[in-house]
Amino acid sequence: MATSSFTRKIIVTGKQATDVLINALTSDTEKKDFCKIEEFLEENRKRGKASLKKFVSLYKK
């Protein structure tokens, strides 16, 4: 159960990353989009670390 939930989160995060990259490539305002991408990636790093810790803790037991 934990594995499918974890996999689902990775897929959603990947889709969001794809959407951000497409928006950055098609947008006229480079600087603004670059800041958005940096914020998005930082948020995902934090969320990813927390999810990974939770996932590992489930299997340590």
PDB file of N, CA and C in Angstrom:
ATOM      1  N   MET A   1       0.824  -1.199   0.000  1.00  0.00           N
ATOM      2  CA  MET A   1       0.000   0.000   0.000  1.00  0.00           C
ATOM      3  C   MET A   1       0.866   1.260   0.000  1.00  0.00           C
ATOM      4  N   ALA A   2       1.887   1.275   0.813  1.00  0.00           N
ATOM      5  CA  ALA A   2       2.749   2.457   0.876  1.00  0.00           C
ATOM      6  C   ALA A   2       3.467   2.680  -0.453  1.00  0.00           C
ATOM      7  N   THR A   3       3.835   1.607  -1.115  1.00  0.00           N
ATOM      8  CA  THR A   3       4.563   1.732  -2.376  1.00  0.00           C
ATOM      9  C   THR A   3       3.710   2.388  -3.456  1.00  0.00           C
ATOM     10  N   SER A   4       2.455   1.979  -3.591  1.00  0.00           N
ATOM     11  CA  SER A   4       1.603   2.568  -4.625  1.00  0.00           C
ATOM     12  C   SER A   4       1.327   4.040  -4.341  1.00  0.00           C
ATOM     13  N   SER A   5       1.161   4.387  -3.076  1.00  0.00           N
ATOM     14  CA  SER A   5       0.944   5.784  -2.702  1.00  0.00           C
ATOM     15  C   SER A   5       2.182   6.611  -3.023  1.00  0.00           C
ATOM     16  N   PHE A   6       3.342   6.079  -2.709  1.00  0.00           N
ATOM     17  CA  PHE A   6       4.605   6.768  -2.967  1.00  0.00           C
ATOM     18  C   PHE A   6       4.809   6.940  -4.473  1.00  0.00           C
ATOM     19  N   THR A   7       4.520   5.915  -5.244  1.00  0.00           N
ATOM     20  CA  THR A   7       4.649   5.979  -6.701  1.00  0.00           C
ATOM     21  C   THR A   7       3.704   7.024  -7.277  1.00  0.00           C
ATOM     22  N   ARG A   8       2.491   7.085  -6.762  1.00  0.00           N
ATOM     23  CA  ARG A   8       1.511   8.059  -7.227  1.00  0.00           C
ATOM     24  C   ARG A   8       2.026   9.476  -6.989  1.00  0.00           C
ATOM     25  N   LYS A   9       2.653   9.725  -5.848  1.00  0.00           N
ATOM     26  CA  LYS A   9       3.186  11.059  -5.551  1.00  0.00           C
ATOM     27  C   LYS A   9       4.296  11.420  -6.524  1.00  0.00           C
ATOM     28  N   ILE A  10       5.131  10.461  -6.864  1.00  0.00           N
ATOM     29  CA  ILE A  10       6.217  10.722  -7.813  1.00  0.00           C
ATOM     30  C   ILE A  10       5.644  11.088  -9.178  1.00  0.00           C
ATOM     31  N   ILE A  11       4.618  10.400  -9.619  1.00  0.00           N
ATOM     32  CA  ILE A  11       4.006  10.682 -10.923  1.00  0.00           C
ATOM     33  C   ILE A  11       3.399  12.075 -10.939  1.00  0.00           C
ATOM     34  N   VAL A  12       2.683  12.458  -9.888  1.00  0.00           N
ATOM     35  CA  VAL A  12       2.075  13.791  -9.814  1.00  0.00           C
ATOM     36  C   VAL A  12       3.158  14.856  -9.822  1.00  0.00           C
ATOM     37  N   THR A  13       4.225  14.648  -9.045  1.00  0.00           N
ATOM     38  CA  THR A  13       5.321  15.607  -8.999  1.00  0.00           C
ATOM     39  C   THR A  13       5.974  15.732 -10.374  1.00  0.00           C
ATOM     40  N   GLY A  14       6.141  14.621 -11.065  1.00  0.00           N
ATOM     41  CA  GLY A  14       6.722  14.646 -12.402  1.00  0.00           C
ATOM     42  C   GLY A  14       5.861  15.420 -13.384  1.00  0.00           C
ATOM     43  N   LYS A  15       4.550  15.274 -13.285  1.00  0.00           N
ATOM     44  CA  LYS A  15       3.632  16.009 -14.158  1.00  0.00           C
ATOM     45  C   LYS A  15       3.718  17.503 -13.874  1.00  0.00           C
ATOM     46  N   GLN A  16       3.774  17.873 -12.601  1.00  0.00           N
ATOM     47  CA  GLN A  16       3.880  19.285 -12.244  1.00  0.00           C
ATOM     48  C   GLN A  16       5.190  19.861 -12.770  1.00  0.00           C
ATOM     49  N   ALA A  17       6.268  19.110 -12.657  1.00  0.00           N
ATOM     50  CA  ALA A  17       7.562  19.577 -13.158  1.00  0.00           C
ATOM     51  C   ALA A  17       7.505  19.772 -14.668  1.00  0.00           C
ATOM     52  N   THR A  18       6.863  18.855 -15.359  1.00  0.00           N
ATOM     53  CA  THR A  18       6.707  18.970 -16.811  1.00  0.00           C
ATOM     54  C   THR A  18       5.913  20.215 -17.169  1.00  0.00           C
ATOM     55  N   ASP A  19       4.829  20.467 -16.439  1.00  0.00           N
ATOM     56  CA  ASP A  19       4.013  21.658 -16.692  1.00  0.00           C
ATOM     57  C   ASP A  19       4.816  22.935 -16.486  1.00  0.00           C
ATOM     58  N   VAL A  20       5.620  22.980 -15.436  1.00  0.00           N
ATOM     59  CA  VAL A  20       6.435  24.169 -15.161  1.00  0.00           C
ATOM     60  C   VAL A  20       7.450  24.377 -16.277  1.00  0.00           C
ATOM     61  N   LEU A  21       8.087  23.308 -16.733  1.00  0.00           N
ATOM     62  CA  LEU A  21       9.073  23.434 -17.810  1.00  0.00           C
ATOM     63  C   LEU A  21       8.423  23.899 -19.113  1.00  0.00           C
ATOM     64  N   ILE A  22       7.259  23.370 -19.426  1.00  0.00           N
ATOM     65  CA  ILE A  22       6.550  23.798 -20.644  1.00  0.00           C
ATOM     66  C   ILE A  22       6.179  25.274 -20.548  1.00  0.00           C
ATOM     67  N   ASN A  23       5.683  25.697 -19.392  1.00  0.00           N
ATOM     68  CA  ASN A  23       5.341  27.109 -19.203  1.00  0.00           C
ATOM     69  C   ASN A  23       6.567  27.990 -19.354  1.00  0.00           C
ATOM     70  N   ALA A  24       7.700  27.544 -18.831  1.00  0.00           N
ATOM     71  CA  ALA A  24       8.927  28.334 -18.924  1.00  0.00           C
ATOM     72  C   ALA A  24       9.396  28.453 -20.371  1.00  0.00           C
ATOM     73  N   LEU A  25       9.257  27.390 -21.129  1.00  0.00           N
ATOM     74  CA  LEU A  25       9.708  27.412 -22.519  1.00  0.00           C
ATOM     75  C   LEU A  25       8.807  28.256 -23.412  1.00  0.00           C
ATOM     76  N   THR A  26       7.524  28.327 -23.091  1.00  0.00           N
ATOM     77  CA  THR A  26       6.580  29.037 -23.952  1.00  0.00           C
ATOM     78  C   THR A  26       6.275  30.454 -23.477  1.00  0.00           C
ATOM     79  N   SER A  27       6.823  30.856 -22.356  1.00  0.00           N
ATOM     80  CA  SER A  27       6.508  32.170 -21.792  1.00  0.00           C
ATOM     81  C   SER A  27       7.443  33.248 -22.328  1.00  0.00           C
ATOM     82  N   ASP A  28       6.948  34.477 -22.309  1.00  0.00           N
ATOM     83  CA  ASP A  28       7.753  35.618 -22.746  1.00  0.00           C
ATOM     84  C   ASP A  28       8.564  36.219 -21.602  1.00  0.00           C
ATOM     85  N   THR A  29       8.117  36.023 -20.381  1.00  0.00           N
ATOM     86  CA  THR A  29       8.787  36.634 -19.236  1.00  0.00           C
ATOM     87  C   THR A  29       9.753  35.635 -18.612  1.00  0.00           C
ATOM     88  N   GLU A  30      11.001  35.693 -19.058  1.00  0.00           N
ATOM     89  CA  GLU A  30      12.018  34.740 -18.642  1.00  0.00           C
ATOM     90  C   GLU A  30      12.333  34.796 -17.157  1.00  0.00           C
ATOM     91  N   LYS A  31      12.607  35.988 -16.664  1.00  0.00           N
ATOM     92  CA  LYS A  31      13.072  36.138 -15.289  1.00  0.00           C
ATOM     93  C   LYS A  31      12.016  35.668 -14.282  1.00  0.00           C
ATOM     94  N   LYS A  32      10.788  36.058 -14.507  1.00  0.00           N
ATOM     95  CA  LYS A  32       9.699  35.690 -13.604  1.00  0.00           C
ATOM     96  C   LYS A  32       9.520  34.171 -13.569  1.00  0.00           C
ATOM     97  N   ASP A  33       9.534  33.552 -14.728  1.00  0.00           N
ATOM     98  CA  ASP A  33       9.364  32.105 -14.804  1.00  0.00           C
ATOM     99  C   ASP A  33      10.542  31.369 -14.176  1.00  0.00           C
ATOM    100  N   PHE A  34      11.743  31.906 -14.324  1.00  0.00           N
ATOM    101  CA  PHE A  34      12.922  31.278 -13.734  1.00  0.00           C
ATOM    102  C   PHE A  34      12.793  31.247 -12.219  1.00  0.00           C
ATOM    103  N   CYS A  35      12.300  32.334 -11.635  1.00  0.00           N
ATOM    104  CA  CYS A  35      12.087  32.381 -10.187  1.00  0.00           C
ATOM    105  C   CYS A  35      11.025  31.368  -9.768  1.00  0.00           C
ATOM    106  N   LYS A  36       9.972  31.258 -10.558  1.00  0.00           N
ATOM    107  CA  LYS A  36       8.918  30.281 -10.260  1.00  0.00           C
ATOM    108  C   LYS A  36       9.470  28.860 -10.299  1.00  0.00           C
ATOM    109  N   ILE A  37      10.320  28.586 -11.278  1.00  0.00           N
ATOM    110  CA  ILE A  37      10.904  27.249 -11.398  1.00  0.00           C
ATOM    111  C   ILE A  37      11.780  26.952 -10.189  1.00  0.00           C
ATOM    112  N   GLU A  38      12.599  27.923  -9.790  1.00  0.00           N
ATOM    113  CA  GLU A  38      13.463  27.714  -8.624  1.00  0.00           C
ATOM    114  C   GLU A  38      12.638  27.451  -7.374  1.00  0.00           C
ATOM    115  N   GLU A  39      11.570  28.224  -7.176  1.00  0.00           N
ATOM    116  CA  GLU A  39      10.709  28.027  -6.012  1.00  0.00           C
ATOM    117  C   GLU A  39      10.046  26.655  -6.063  1.00  0.00           C
ATOM    118  N   PHE A  40       9.584  26.263  -7.236  1.00  0.00           N
ATOM    119  CA  PHE A  40       8.922  24.970  -7.407  1.00  0.00           C
ATOM    120  C   PHE A  40       9.885  23.823  -7.104  1.00  0.00           C
ATOM    121  N   LEU A  41      11.104  23.917  -7.628  1.00  0.00           N
ATOM    122  CA  LEU A  41      12.078  22.853  -7.405  1.00  0.00           C
ATOM    123  C   LEU A  41      12.475  22.755  -5.938  1.00  0.00           C
ATOM    124  N   GLU A  42      12.645  23.888  -5.279  1.00  0.00           N
ATOM    125  CA  GLU A  42      12.995  23.885  -3.856  1.00  0.00           C
ATOM    126  C   GLU A  42      11.874  23.260  -3.027  1.00  0.00           C
ATOM    127  N   GLU A  43      10.642  23.618  -3.336  1.00  0.00           N
ATOM    128  CA  GLU A  43       9.490  23.052  -2.624  1.00  0.00           C
ATOM    129  C   GLU A  43       9.432  21.537  -2.822  1.00  0.00           C
ATOM    130  N   ASN A  44       9.685  21.091  -4.042  1.00  0.00           N
ATOM    131  CA  ASN A  44       9.649  19.654  -4.326  1.00  0.00           C
ATOM    132  C   ASN A  44      10.790  18.907  -3.661  1.00  0.00           C
ATOM    133  N   ARG A  45      11.958  19.539  -3.543  1.00  0.00           N
ATOM    134  CA  ARG A  45      13.067  18.893  -2.834  1.00  0.00           C
ATOM    135  C   ARG A  45      12.687  18.635  -1.386  1.00  0.00           C
ATOM    136  N   LYS A  46      12.102  19.649  -0.756  1.00  0.00           N
ATOM    137  CA  LYS A  46      11.695  19.504   0.645  1.00  0.00           C
ATOM    138  C   LYS A  46      10.617  18.436   0.787  1.00  0.00           C
ATOM    139  N   ARG A  47       9.621  18.475  -0.096  1.00  0.00           N
ATOM    140  CA  ARG A  47       8.539  17.492  -0.052  1.00  0.00           C
ATOM    141  C   ARG A  47       9.057  16.091  -0.347  1.00  0.00           C
ATOM    142  N   GLY A  48       9.976  16.000  -1.289  1.00  0.00           N
ATOM    143  CA  GLY A  48      10.549  14.705  -1.662  1.00  0.00           C
ATOM    144  C   GLY A  48      11.337  14.087  -0.529  1.00  0.00           C
ATOM    145  N   LYS A  49      12.124  14.914   0.174  1.00  0.00           N
ATOM    146  CA  LYS A  49      12.887  14.405   1.317  1.00  0.00           C
ATOM    147  C   LYS A  49      11.953  13.906   2.406  1.00  0.00           C
ATOM    148  N   ALA A  50      10.900  14.657   2.676  1.00  0.00           N
ATOM    149  CA  ALA A  50       9.942  14.259   3.710  1.00  0.00           C
ATOM    150  C   ALA A  50       9.233  12.963   3.318  1.00  0.00           C
ATOM    151  N   SER A  51       8.847  12.844   2.063  1.00  0.00           N
ATOM    152  CA  SER A  51       8.173  11.628   1.591  1.00  0.00           C
ATOM    153  C   SER A  51       9.103  10.425   1.655  1.00  0.00           C
ATOM    154  N   LEU A  52      10.359  10.636   1.290  1.00  0.00           N
ATOM    155  CA  LEU A  52      11.322   9.542   1.324  1.00  0.00           C
ATOM    156  C   LEU A  52      11.573   9.080   2.753  1.00  0.00           C
ATOM    157  N   LYS A  53      11.693  10.025   3.682  1.00  0.00           N
ATOM    158  CA  LYS A  53      11.874   9.662   5.092  1.00  0.00           C
ATOM    159  C   LYS A  53      10.685   8.863   5.598  1.00  0.00           C
ATOM    160  N   LYS A  54       9.490   9.288   5.224  1.00  0.00           N
ATOM    161  CA  LYS A  54       8.278   8.581   5.646  1.00  0.00           C
ATOM    162  C   LYS A  54       8.244   7.180   5.042  1.00  0.00           C
ATOM    163  N   PHE A  55       8.586   7.081   3.776  1.00  0.00           N
ATOM    164  CA  PHE A  55       8.600   5.796   3.079  1.00  0.00           C
ATOM    165  C   PHE A  55       9.597   4.835   3.725  1.00  0.00           C
ATOM    166  N   VAL A  56      10.799   5.324   4.025  1.00  0.00           N
ATOM    167  CA  VAL A  56      11.834   4.492   4.646  1.00  0.00           C
ATOM    168  C   VAL A  56      11.409   4.070   6.042  1.00  0.00           C
ATOM    169  N   SER A  57      10.795   4.976   6.784  1.00  0.00           N
ATOM    170  CA  SER A  57      10.386   4.643   8.151  1.00  0.00           C
ATOM    171  C   SER A  57       9.334   3.536   8.171  1.00  0.00           C
ATOM    172  N   LEU A  58       8.513   3.444   7.137  1.00  0.00           N
ATOM    173  CA  LEU A  58       7.507   2.379   7.065  1.00  0.00           C
ATOM    174  C   LEU A  58       8.154   1.003   6.908  1.00  0.00           C
ATOM    175  N   TYR A  59       9.272   0.955   6.197  1.00  0.00           N
ATOM    176  CA  TYR A  59       9.929  -0.326   5.946  1.00  0.00           C
ATOM    177  C   TYR A  59      10.990  -0.668   6.985  1.00  0.00           C
ATOM    178  N   LYS A  60      11.368   0.277   7.835  1.00  0.00           N
ATOM    179  CA  LYS A  60      12.327  -0.009   8.902  1.00  0.00           C
ATOM    180  C   LYS A  60      11.704  -0.858   9.996  1.00  0.00           C
ATOM    181  N   LYS A  61      10.394  -0.734  10.154  1.00  0.00           N
ATOM    182  CA  LYS A  61       9.710  -1.433  11.246  1.00  0.00           C
ATOM    183  C   LYS A  61       9.675  -2.894  11.059  1.00  0.00           C
TER     184      LYS A  61
END
